[in-house]
Amino acid sequence: MADGDVVIDSEHSFPDGSRVRIFAVESSTYPGGVNYRFQYYDPTTGNEFLRYDNSQVETHGAGHHHRHEWTGDGEQISGLEFTDLETHLAQFRTELTELR
């Protein structure tokens, strides 16, 4: 694969209207060789519940790979260990299942 090649692009809607969007594209300028965003959100309100993403520079005091969760206390951001895209996506799906 080469920079810009889409690795995964999928979306799933749940009966309550919430959605999961999974997107990743090859990028040699991003840590791990991929730019990704895994997001669980409400498209009607725009509220996000859970998101995994990465950035080219360390952000949020959480490193390159990080997790966002919105609760009654607001947004919580924490760093994530990144091994590979498949492992990372499996971790997101497990957490999504526990959250729902």
PDB file of N, CA and C in Angstrom:
ATOM      1  N   MET A   1       0.844  -1.182   0.000  1.00  0.00           N
ATOM      2  CA  MET A   1       0.000   0.000   0.000  1.00  0.00           C
ATOM      3  C   MET A   1       0.886   1.240   0.000  1.00  0.00           C
ATOM      4  N   ALA A   2       0.274   2.355  -0.375  1.00  0.00           N
ATOM      5  CA  ALA A   2       1.013   3.606  -0.463  1.00  0.00           C
ATOM      6  C   ALA A   2       0.269   4.710   0.278  1.00  0.00           C
ATOM      7  N   ASP A   3       0.987   5.784   0.559  1.00  0.00           N
ATOM      8  CA  ASP A   3       0.348   6.931   1.212  1.00  0.00           C
ATOM      9  C   ASP A   3      -0.940   7.305   0.495  1.00  0.00           C
ATOM     10  N   GLY A   4      -1.967   7.525   1.292  1.00  0.00           N
ATOM     11  CA  GLY A   4      -3.268   7.913   0.743  1.00  0.00           C
ATOM     12  C   GLY A   4      -4.211   6.758   0.473  1.00  0.00           C
ATOM     13  N   ASP A   5      -3.693   5.533   0.485  1.00  0.00           N
ATOM     14  CA  ASP A   5      -4.564   4.373   0.272  1.00  0.00           C
ATOM     15  C   ASP A   5      -5.449   4.168   1.503  1.00  0.00           C
ATOM     16  N   VAL A   6      -6.735   4.032   1.271  1.00  0.00           N
ATOM     17  CA  VAL A   6      -7.683   3.801   2.358  1.00  0.00           C
ATOM     18  C   VAL A   6      -7.562   2.353   2.818  1.00  0.00           C
ATOM     19  N   VAL A   7      -7.324   2.176   4.107  1.00  0.00           N
ATOM     20  CA  VAL A   7      -7.181   0.847   4.692  1.00  0.00           C
ATOM     21  C   VAL A   7      -8.549   0.324   5.110  1.00  0.00           C
ATOM     22  N   ILE A   8      -9.332   1.190   5.738  1.00  0.00           N
ATOM     23  CA  ILE A   8     -10.680   0.826   6.162  1.00  0.00           C
ATOM     24  C   ILE A   8     -11.535   2.084   6.191  1.00  0.00           C
ATOM     25  N   ASP A   9     -12.780   1.930   5.754  1.00  0.00           N
ATOM     26  CA  ASP A   9     -13.744   3.024   5.781  1.00  0.00           C
ATOM     27  C   ASP A   9     -15.124   2.389   5.925  1.00  0.00           C
ATOM     28  N   SER A  10     -15.630   2.386   7.159  1.00  0.00           N
ATOM     29  CA  SER A  10     -16.928   1.762   7.385  1.00  0.00           C
ATOM     30  C   SER A  10     -17.725   2.568   8.401  1.00  0.00           C
ATOM     31  N   GLU A  11     -19.034   2.400   8.323  1.00  0.00           N
ATOM     32  CA  GLU A  11     -19.926   3.085   9.246  1.00  0.00           C
ATOM     33  C   GLU A  11     -21.075   2.143   9.584  1.00  0.00           C
ATOM     34  N   HIS A  12     -21.481   2.178  10.846  1.00  0.00           N
ATOM     35  CA  HIS A  12     -22.582   1.330  11.312  1.00  0.00           C
ATOM     36  C   HIS A  12     -23.506   2.173  12.177  1.00  0.00           C
ATOM     37  N   SER A  13     -24.814   2.059  11.932  1.00  0.00           N
ATOM     38  CA  SER A  13     -25.809   2.754  12.757  1.00  0.00           C
ATOM     39  C   SER A  13     -26.490   1.759  13.675  1.00  0.00           C
ATOM     40  N   PHE A  14     -26.710   2.185  14.916  1.00  0.00           N
ATOM     41  CA  PHE A  14     -27.413   1.373  15.899  1.00  0.00           C
ATOM     42  C   PHE A  14     -28.885   1.779  15.940  1.00  0.00           C
ATOM     43  N   PRO A  15     -29.764   0.914  16.470  1.00  0.00           N
ATOM     44  CA  PRO A  15     -31.192   1.232  16.527  1.00  0.00           C
ATOM     45  C   PRO A  15     -31.518   2.551  17.246  1.00  0.00           C
ATOM     46  N   ASP A  16     -30.682   2.964  18.201  1.00  0.00           N
ATOM     47  CA  ASP A  16     -30.949   4.220  18.912  1.00  0.00           C
ATOM     48  C   ASP A  16     -30.504   5.452  18.122  1.00  0.00           C
ATOM     49  N   GLY A  17     -29.957   5.245  16.920  1.00  0.00           N
ATOM     50  CA  GLY A  17     -29.524   6.352  16.075  1.00  0.00           C
ATOM     51  C   GLY A  17     -28.046   6.676  16.186  1.00  0.00           C
ATOM     52  N   SER A  18     -27.370   6.160  17.208  1.00  0.00           N
ATOM     53  CA  SER A  18     -25.938   6.417  17.337  1.00  0.00           C
ATOM     54  C   SER A  18     -25.192   5.652  16.238  1.00  0.00           C
ATOM     55  N   ARG A  19     -23.970   6.106  15.964  1.00  0.00           N
ATOM     56  CA  ARG A  19     -23.192   5.507  14.881  1.00  0.00           C
ATOM     57  C   ARG A  19     -21.748   5.260  15.306  1.00  0.00           C
ATOM     58  N   VAL A  20     -21.138   4.350  14.580  1.00  0.00           N
ATOM     59  CA  VAL A  20     -19.708   4.107  14.685  1.00  0.00           C
ATOM     60  C   VAL A  20     -19.120   4.338  13.299  1.00  0.00           C
ATOM     61  N   ARG A  21     -18.070   5.124  13.249  1.00  0.00           N
ATOM     62  CA  ARG A  21     -17.349   5.372  11.994  1.00  0.00           C
ATOM     63  C   ARG A  21     -15.909   4.946  12.208  1.00  0.00           C
ATOM     64  N   ILE A  22     -15.423   4.093  11.329  1.00  0.00           N
ATOM     65  CA  ILE A  22     -14.064   3.582  11.378  1.00  0.00           C
ATOM     66  C   ILE A  22     -13.374   4.010  10.080  1.00  0.00           C
ATOM     67  N   PHE A  23     -12.286   4.759  10.214  1.00  0.00           N
ATOM     68  CA  PHE A  23     -11.575   5.226   9.028  1.00  0.00           C
ATOM     69  C   PHE A  23     -10.079   5.193   9.279  1.00  0.00           C
ATOM     70  N   ALA A  24      -9.334   4.695   8.317  1.00  0.00           N
ATOM     71  CA  ALA A  24      -7.883   4.695   8.392  1.00  0.00           C
ATOM     72  C   ALA A  24      -7.303   4.765   6.984  1.00  0.00           C
ATOM     73  N   VAL A  25      -6.251   5.560   6.847  1.00  0.00           N
ATOM     74  CA  VAL A  25      -5.576   5.717   5.567  1.00  0.00           C
ATOM     75  C   VAL A  25      -4.067   5.599   5.787  1.00  0.00           C
ATOM     76  N   GLU A  26      -3.386   4.965   4.838  1.00  0.00           N
ATOM     77  CA  GLU A  26      -1.934   4.839   4.912  1.00  0.00           C
ATOM     78  C   GLU A  26      -1.300   6.226   4.894  1.00  0.00           C
ATOM     79  N   SER A  27      -0.313   6.443   5.760  1.00  0.00           N
ATOM     80  CA  SER A  27       0.397   7.721   5.782  1.00  0.00           C
ATOM     81  C   SER A  27       1.758   7.548   6.449  1.00  0.00           C
ATOM     82  N   SER A  28       2.798   7.734   5.675  1.00  0.00           N
ATOM     83  CA  SER A  28       4.144   7.589   6.218  1.00  0.00           C
ATOM     84  C   SER A  28       4.511   8.734   7.159  1.00  0.00           C
ATOM     85  N   THR A  29       3.710   9.795   7.186  1.00  0.00           N
ATOM     86  CA  THR A  29       3.995  10.927   8.071  1.00  0.00           C
ATOM     87  C   THR A  29       3.337  10.803   9.436  1.00  0.00           C
ATOM     88  N   TYR A  30       2.535   9.756   9.645  1.00  0.00           N
ATOM     89  CA  TYR A  30       1.888   9.526  10.937  1.00  0.00           C
ATOM     90  C   TYR A  30       2.550   8.366  11.659  1.00  0.00           C
ATOM     91  N   PRO A  31       2.624   8.447  12.983  1.00  0.00           N
ATOM     92  CA  PRO A  31       3.186   7.334  13.758  1.00  0.00           C
ATOM     93  C   PRO A  31       2.396   6.049  13.489  1.00  0.00           C
ATOM     94  N   GLY A  32       3.084   4.961  13.278  1.00  0.00           N
ATOM     95  CA  GLY A  32       2.429   3.696  12.976  1.00  0.00           C
ATOM     96  C   GLY A  32       2.132   3.524  11.498  1.00  0.00           C
ATOM     97  N   GLY A  33       2.415   4.556  10.684  1.00  0.00           N
ATOM     98  CA  GLY A  33       2.217   4.459   9.240  1.00  0.00           C
ATOM     99  C   GLY A  33       0.789   4.590   8.780  1.00  0.00           C
ATOM    100  N   VAL A  34      -0.089   5.035   9.680  1.00  0.00           N
ATOM    101  CA  VAL A  34      -1.503   5.155   9.324  1.00  0.00           C
ATOM    102  C   VAL A  34      -2.119   6.338  10.075  1.00  0.00           C
ATOM    103  N   ASN A  35      -3.012   7.055   9.412  1.00  0.00           N
ATOM    104  CA  ASN A  35      -3.792   8.120  10.035  1.00  0.00           C
ATOM    105  C   ASN A  35      -5.191   7.537  10.235  1.00  0.00           C
ATOM    106  N   TYR A  36      -5.663   7.499  11.490  1.00  0.00           N
ATOM    107  CA  TYR A  36      -6.928   6.823  11.763  1.00  0.00           C
ATOM    108  C   TYR A  36      -7.825   7.638  12.684  1.00  0.00           C
ATOM    109  N   ARG A  37      -9.096   7.287  12.631  1.00  0.00           N
ATOM    110  CA  ARG A  37     -10.104   7.851  13.536  1.00  0.00           C
ATOM    111  C   ARG A  37     -11.206   6.801  13.681  1.00  0.00           C
ATOM    112  N   PHE A  38     -11.384   6.318  14.902  1.00  0.00           N
ATOM    113  CA  PHE A  38     -12.469   5.392  15.234  1.00  0.00           C
ATOM    114  C   PHE A  38     -13.388   6.173  16.150  1.00  0.00           C
ATOM    115  N   GLN A  39     -14.639   6.315  15.775  1.00  0.00           N
ATOM    116  CA  GLN A  39     -15.511   7.244  16.482  1.00  0.00           C
ATOM    117  C   GLN A  39     -16.903   6.656  16.721  1.00  0.00           C
ATOM    118  N   TYR A  40     -17.382   6.796  17.941  1.00  0.00           N
ATOM    119  CA  TYR A  40     -18.744   6.424  18.325  1.00  0.00           C
ATOM    120  C   TYR A  40     -19.438   7.721  18.712  1.00  0.00           C
ATOM    121  N   TYR A  41     -20.530   8.058  18.035  1.00  0.00           N
ATOM    122  CA  TYR A  41     -21.139   9.373  18.209  1.00  0.00           C
ATOM    123  C   TYR A  41     -22.638   9.366  17.887  1.00  0.00           C
ATOM    124  N   ASP A  42     -23.283  10.489  18.203  1.00  0.00           N
ATOM    125  CA  ASP A  42     -24.689  10.710  17.881  1.00  0.00           C
ATOM    126  C   ASP A  42     -24.748  11.731  16.749  1.00  0.00           C
ATOM    127  N   PRO A  43     -25.118  11.316  15.542  1.00  0.00           N
ATOM    128  CA  PRO A  43     -25.105  12.244  14.410  1.00  0.00           C
ATOM    129  C   PRO A  43     -26.161  13.346  14.500  1.00  0.00           C
ATOM    130  N   THR A  44     -27.195  13.131  15.277  1.00  0.00           N
ATOM    131  CA  THR A  44     -28.247  14.140  15.423  1.00  0.00           C
ATOM    132  C   THR A  44     -27.758  15.318  16.254  1.00  0.00           C
ATOM    133  N   THR A  45     -27.112  15.039  17.367  1.00  0.00           N
ATOM    134  CA  THR A  45     -26.651  16.095  18.267  1.00  0.00           C
ATOM    135  C   THR A  45     -25.203  16.495  18.018  1.00  0.00           C
ATOM    136  N   GLY A  46     -24.462  15.616  17.356  1.00  0.00           N
ATOM    137  CA  GLY A  46     -23.039  15.855  17.161  1.00  0.00           C
ATOM    138  C   GLY A  46     -22.199  15.437  18.356  1.00  0.00           C
ATOM    139  N   ASN A  47     -22.862  14.938  19.407  1.00  0.00           N
ATOM    140  CA  ASN A  47     -22.129  14.496  20.596  1.00  0.00           C
ATOM    141  C   ASN A  47     -21.298  13.261  20.285  1.00  0.00           C
ATOM    142  N   GLU A  48     -20.077  13.270  20.775  1.00  0.00           N
ATOM    143  CA  GLU A  48     -19.222  12.099  20.668  1.00  0.00           C
ATOM    144  C   GLU A  48     -19.204  11.405  22.017  1.00  0.00           C
ATOM    145  N   PHE A  49     -19.074  10.089  21.981  1.00  0.00           N
ATOM    146  CA  PHE A  49     -19.007   9.302  23.204  1.00  0.00           C
ATOM    147  C   PHE A  49     -17.617   8.708  23.390  1.00  0.00           C
ATOM    148  N   LEU A  50     -17.029   8.250  22.277  1.00  0.00           N
ATOM    149  CA  LEU A  50     -15.723   7.604  22.332  1.00  0.00           C
ATOM    150  C   LEU A  50     -15.026   7.811  20.995  1.00  0.00           C
ATOM    151  N   ARG A  51     -13.732   8.158  21.061  1.00  0.00           N
ATOM    152  CA  ARG A  51     -12.955   8.302  19.832  1.00  0.00           C
ATOM    153  C   ARG A  51     -11.510   7.895  20.102  1.00  0.00           C
ATOM    154  N   TYR A  52     -10.962   7.126  19.176  1.00  0.00           N
ATOM    155  CA  TYR A  52      -9.534   6.847  19.137  1.00  0.00           C
ATOM    156  C   TYR A  52      -9.011   7.576  17.899  1.00  0.00           C
ATOM    157  N   ASP A  53      -7.894   8.271  18.039  1.00  0.00           N
ATOM    158  CA  ASP A  53      -7.272   8.889  16.882  1.00  0.00           C
ATOM    159  C   ASP A  53      -5.793   9.097  17.141  1.00  0.00           C
ATOM    160  N   ASN A  54      -5.100   9.588  16.130  1.00  0.00           N
ATOM    161  CA  ASN A  54      -3.684   9.875  16.291  1.00  0.00           C
ATOM    162  C   ASN A  54      -3.354  11.197  15.623  1.00  0.00           C
ATOM    163  N   SER A  55      -2.174  11.697  15.925  1.00  0.00           N
ATOM    164  CA  SER A  55      -1.726  12.953  15.343  1.00  0.00           C
ATOM    165  C   SER A  55      -0.238  12.864  15.030  1.00  0.00           C
ATOM    166  N   GLN A  56       0.205  13.713  14.134  1.00  0.00           N
ATOM    167  CA  GLN A  56       1.602  13.711  13.725  1.00  0.00           C
ATOM    168  C   GLN A  56       2.518  14.200  14.845  1.00  0.00           C
ATOM    169  N   VAL A  57       1.998  15.084  15.668  1.00  0.00           N
ATOM    170  CA  VAL A  57       2.765  15.579  16.820  1.00  0.00           C
ATOM    171  C   VAL A  57       2.038  15.155  18.086  1.00  0.00           C
ATOM    172  N   GLU A  58       2.766  15.020  19.162  1.00  0.00           N
ATOM    173  CA  GLU A  58       2.130  14.641  20.421  1.00  0.00           C
ATOM    174  C   GLU A  58       1.169  15.747  20.858  1.00  0.00           C
ATOM    175  N   THR A  59      -0.042  15.362  21.218  1.00  0.00           N
ATOM    176  CA  THR A  59      -1.060  16.337  21.612  1.00  0.00           C
ATOM    177  C   THR A  59      -1.749  15.909  22.901  1.00  0.00           C
ATOM    178  N   HIS A  60      -2.427  16.835  23.503  1.00  0.00           N
ATOM    179  CA  HIS A  60      -3.243  16.603  24.696  1.00  0.00           C
ATOM    180  C   HIS A  60      -2.433  16.077  25.884  1.00  0.00           C
ATOM    181  N   GLY A  61      -1.121  16.115  25.783  1.00  0.00           N
ATOM    182  CA  GLY A  61      -0.297  15.528  26.830  1.00  0.00           C
ATOM    183  C   GLY A  61      -0.421  14.014  26.865  1.00  0.00           C
ATOM    184  N   ALA A  62      -0.941  13.441  25.775  1.00  0.00           N
ATOM    185  CA  ALA A  62      -1.227  12.004  25.736  1.00  0.00           C
ATOM    186  C   ALA A  62      -0.445  11.267  24.658  1.00  0.00           C
ATOM    187  N   GLY A  63       0.464  11.941  23.994  1.00  0.00           N
ATOM    188  CA  GLY A  63       1.253  11.276  22.965  1.00  0.00           C
ATOM    189  C   GLY A  63       0.604  11.343  21.594  1.00  0.00           C
ATOM    190  N   HIS A  64       1.107  10.505  20.695  1.00  0.00           N
ATOM    191  CA  HIS A  64       0.608  10.487  19.311  1.00  0.00           C
ATOM    192  C   HIS A  64      -0.730   9.760  19.185  1.00  0.00           C
ATOM    193  N   HIS A  65      -0.878   8.668  19.902  1.00  0.00           N
ATOM    194  CA  HIS A  65      -2.089   7.839  19.839  1.00  0.00           C
ATOM    195  C   HIS A  65      -2.883   8.081  21.115  1.00  0.00           C
ATOM    196  N   HIS A  66      -4.151   8.455  20.956  1.00  0.00           N
ATOM    197  CA  HIS A  66      -4.921   8.775  22.149  1.00  0.00           C
ATOM    198  C   HIS A  66      -6.395   8.432  22.019  1.00  0.00           C
ATOM    199  N   ARG A  67      -7.011   8.437  23.170  1.00  0.00           N
ATOM    200  CA  ARG A  67      -8.406   8.041  23.340  1.00  0.00           C
ATOM    201  C   ARG A  67      -9.148   9.212  23.975  1.00  0.00           C
ATOM    202  N   HIS A  68     -10.311   9.517  23.424  1.00  0.00           N
ATOM    203  CA  HIS A  68     -11.181  10.559  23.973  1.00  0.00           C
ATOM    204  C   HIS A  68     -12.468   9.878  24.445  1.00  0.00           C
ATOM    205  N   GLU A  69     -12.906  10.213  25.639  1.00  0.00           N
ATOM    206  CA  GLU A  69     -14.193   9.714  26.123  1.00  0.00           C
ATOM    207  C   GLU A  69     -14.933  10.883  26.747  1.00  0.00           C
ATOM    208  N   TRP A  70     -16.207  10.995  26.403  1.00  0.00           N
ATOM    209  CA  TRP A  70     -17.048  12.043  26.955  1.00  0.00           C
ATOM    210  C   TRP A  70     -18.003  11.434  27.961  1.00  0.00           C
ATOM    211  N   THR A  71     -17.979  11.979  29.178  1.00  0.00           N
ATOM    212  CA  THR A  71     -18.850  11.518  30.257  1.00  0.00           C
ATOM    213  C   THR A  71     -19.506  12.742  30.885  1.00  0.00           C
ATOM    214  N   GLY A  72     -20.213  12.540  31.967  1.00  0.00           N
ATOM    215  CA  GLY A  72     -20.814  13.649  32.695  1.00  0.00           C
ATOM    216  C   GLY A  72     -19.790  14.647  33.198  1.00  0.00           C
ATOM    217  N   ASP A  73     -18.538  14.209  33.317  1.00  0.00           N
ATOM    218  CA  ASP A  73     -17.454  15.079  33.775  1.00  0.00           C
ATOM    219  C   ASP A  73     -16.753  15.789  32.625  1.00  0.00           C
ATOM    220  N   GLY A  74     -17.253  15.625  31.398  1.00  0.00           N
ATOM    221  CA  GLY A  74     -16.616  16.246  30.241  1.00  0.00           C
ATOM    222  C   GLY A  74     -15.720  15.278  29.499  1.00  0.00           C
ATOM    223  N   GLU A  75     -14.827  15.831  28.730  1.00  0.00           N
ATOM    224  CA  GLU A  75     -13.937  15.020  27.908  1.00  0.00           C
ATOM    225  C   GLU A  75     -12.719  14.565  28.709  1.00  0.00           C
ATOM    226  N   GLN A  76     -12.444  13.275  28.619  1.00  0.00           N
ATOM    227  CA  GLN A  76     -11.257  12.686  29.234  1.00  0.00           C
ATOM    228  C   GLN A  76     -10.362  12.180  28.102  1.00  0.00           C
ATOM    229  N   ILE A  77      -9.082  12.560  28.125  1.00  0.00           N
ATOM    230  CA  ILE A  77      -8.147  12.141  27.083  1.00  0.00           C
ATOM    231  C   ILE A  77      -7.005  11.368  27.731  1.00  0.00           C
ATOM    232  N   SER A  78      -6.696  10.231  27.139  1.00  0.00           N
ATOM    233  CA  SER A  78      -5.589   9.430  27.656  1.00  0.00           C
ATOM    234  C   SER A  78      -4.790   8.851  26.489  1.00  0.00           C
ATOM    235  N   GLY A  79      -3.522   8.601  26.741  1.00  0.00           N
ATOM    236  CA  GLY A  79      -2.660   8.000  25.733  1.00  0.00           C
ATOM    237  C   GLY A  79      -2.981   6.530  25.529  1.00  0.00           C
ATOM    238  N   LEU A  80      -2.683   6.056  24.344  1.00  0.00           N
ATOM    239  CA  LEU A  80      -2.896   4.648  24.006  1.00  0.00           C
ATOM    240  C   LEU A  80      -1.605   4.045  23.469  1.00  0.00           C
ATOM    241  N   GLU A  81      -1.390   2.801  23.787  1.00  0.00           N
ATOM    242  CA  GLU A  81      -0.283   2.043  23.215  1.00  0.00           C
ATOM    243  C   GLU A  81      -0.712   1.585  21.829  1.00  0.00           C
ATOM    244  N   PHE A  82       0.123   1.772  20.840  1.00  0.00           N
ATOM    245  CA  PHE A  82      -0.207   1.356  19.471  1.00  0.00           C
ATOM    246  C   PHE A  82       0.781   0.291  19.029  1.00  0.00           C
ATOM    247  N   THR A  83       0.263  -0.899  18.736  1.00  0.00           N
ATOM    248  CA  THR A  83       1.079  -1.984  18.212  1.00  0.00           C
ATOM    249  C   THR A  83       0.911  -2.071  16.706  1.00  0.00           C
ATOM    250  N   ASP A  84      -0.343  -2.216  16.291  1.00  0.00           N
ATOM    251  CA  ASP A  84      -0.692  -2.244  14.872  1.00  0.00           C
ATOM    252  C   ASP A  84      -2.172  -1.914  14.745  1.00  0.00           C
ATOM    253  N   LEU A  85      -2.604  -1.635  13.539  1.00  0.00           N
ATOM    254  CA  LEU A  85      -3.974  -1.186  13.316  1.00  0.00           C
ATOM    255  C   LEU A  85      -5.005  -2.236  13.728  1.00  0.00           C
ATOM    256  N   GLU A  86      -4.756  -3.492  13.426  1.00  0.00           N
ATOM    257  CA  GLU A  86      -5.717  -4.545  13.744  1.00  0.00           C
ATOM    258  C   GLU A  86      -5.923  -4.675  15.251  1.00  0.00           C
ATOM    259  N   THR A  87      -4.833  -4.648  16.005  1.00  0.00           N
ATOM    260  CA  THR A  87      -4.921  -4.744  17.462  1.00  0.00           C
ATOM    261  C   THR A  87      -5.635  -3.530  18.037  1.00  0.00           C
ATOM    262  N   HIS A  88      -5.320  -2.369  17.503  1.00  0.00           N
ATOM    263  CA  HIS A  88      -5.922  -1.119  17.964  1.00  0.00           C
ATOM    264  C   HIS A  88      -7.435  -1.113  17.705  1.00  0.00           C
ATOM    265  N   LEU A  89      -7.825  -1.549  16.522  1.00  0.00           N
ATOM    266  CA  LEU A  89      -9.244  -1.610  16.173  1.00  0.00           C
ATOM    267  C   LEU A  89      -9.975  -2.624  17.049  1.00  0.00           C
ATOM    268  N   ALA A  90      -9.363  -3.749  17.340  1.00  0.00           N
ATOM    269  CA  ALA A  90      -9.980  -4.746  18.225  1.00  0.00           C
ATOM    270  C   ALA A  90     -10.185  -4.170  19.620  1.00  0.00           C
ATOM    271  N   GLN A  91      -9.218  -3.401  20.108  1.00  0.00           N
ATOM    272  CA  GLN A  91      -9.341  -2.754  21.416  1.00  0.00           C
ATOM    273  C   GLN A  91     -10.506  -1.764  21.417  1.00  0.00           C
ATOM    274  N   PHE A  92     -10.638  -0.975  20.352  1.00  0.00           N
ATOM    275  CA  PHE A  92     -11.742  -0.021  20.243  1.00  0.00           C
ATOM    276  C   PHE A  92     -13.082  -0.754  20.245  1.00  0.00           C
ATOM    277  N   ARG A  93     -13.179  -1.820  19.469  1.00  0.00           N
ATOM    278  CA  ARG A  93     -14.438  -2.573  19.390  1.00  0.00           C
ATOM    279  C   ARG A  93     -14.809  -3.187  20.732  1.00  0.00           C
ATOM    280  N   THR A  94     -13.832  -3.688  21.467  1.00  0.00           N
ATOM    281  CA  THR A  94     -14.086  -4.241  22.788  1.00  0.00           C
ATOM    282  C   THR A  94     -14.600  -3.155  23.708  1.00  0.00           C
ATOM    283  N   GLU A  95     -13.962  -2.013  23.698  1.00  0.00           N
ATOM    284  CA  GLU A  95     -14.392  -0.919  24.552  1.00  0.00           C
ATOM    285  C   GLU A  95     -15.774  -0.408  24.157  1.00  0.00           C
ATOM    286  N   LEU A  96     -16.042  -0.352  22.870  1.00  0.00           N
ATOM    287  CA  LEU A  96     -17.355   0.071  22.375  1.00  0.00           C
ATOM    288  C   LEU A  96     -18.441  -0.871  22.888  1.00  0.00           C
ATOM    289  N   THR A  97     -18.189  -2.166  22.806  1.00  0.00           N
ATOM    290  CA  THR A  97     -19.154  -3.153  23.298  1.00  0.00           C
ATOM    291  C   THR A  97     -19.425  -2.973  24.776  1.00  0.00           C
ATOM    292  N   GLU A  98     -18.385  -2.729  25.560  1.00  0.00           N
ATOM    293  CA  GLU A  98     -18.552  -2.506  26.996  1.00  0.00           C
ATOM    294  C   GLU A  98     -19.302  -1.202  27.284  1.00  0.00           C
ATOM    295  N   LEU A  99     -19.072  -0.190  26.479  1.00  0.00           N
ATOM    296  CA  LEU A  99     -19.706   1.119  26.658  1.00  0.00           C
ATOM    297  C   LEU A  99     -21.194   1.073  26.326  1.00  0.00           C
ATOM    298  N   ARG A 100     -21.548   0.344  25.278  1.00  0.00           N
ATOM    299  CA  ARG A 100     -22.945   0.264  24.842  1.00  0.00           C
ATOM    300  C   ARG A 100     -23.718  -0.581  25.806  1.00  0.00           C
TER     301      ARG A 100
END
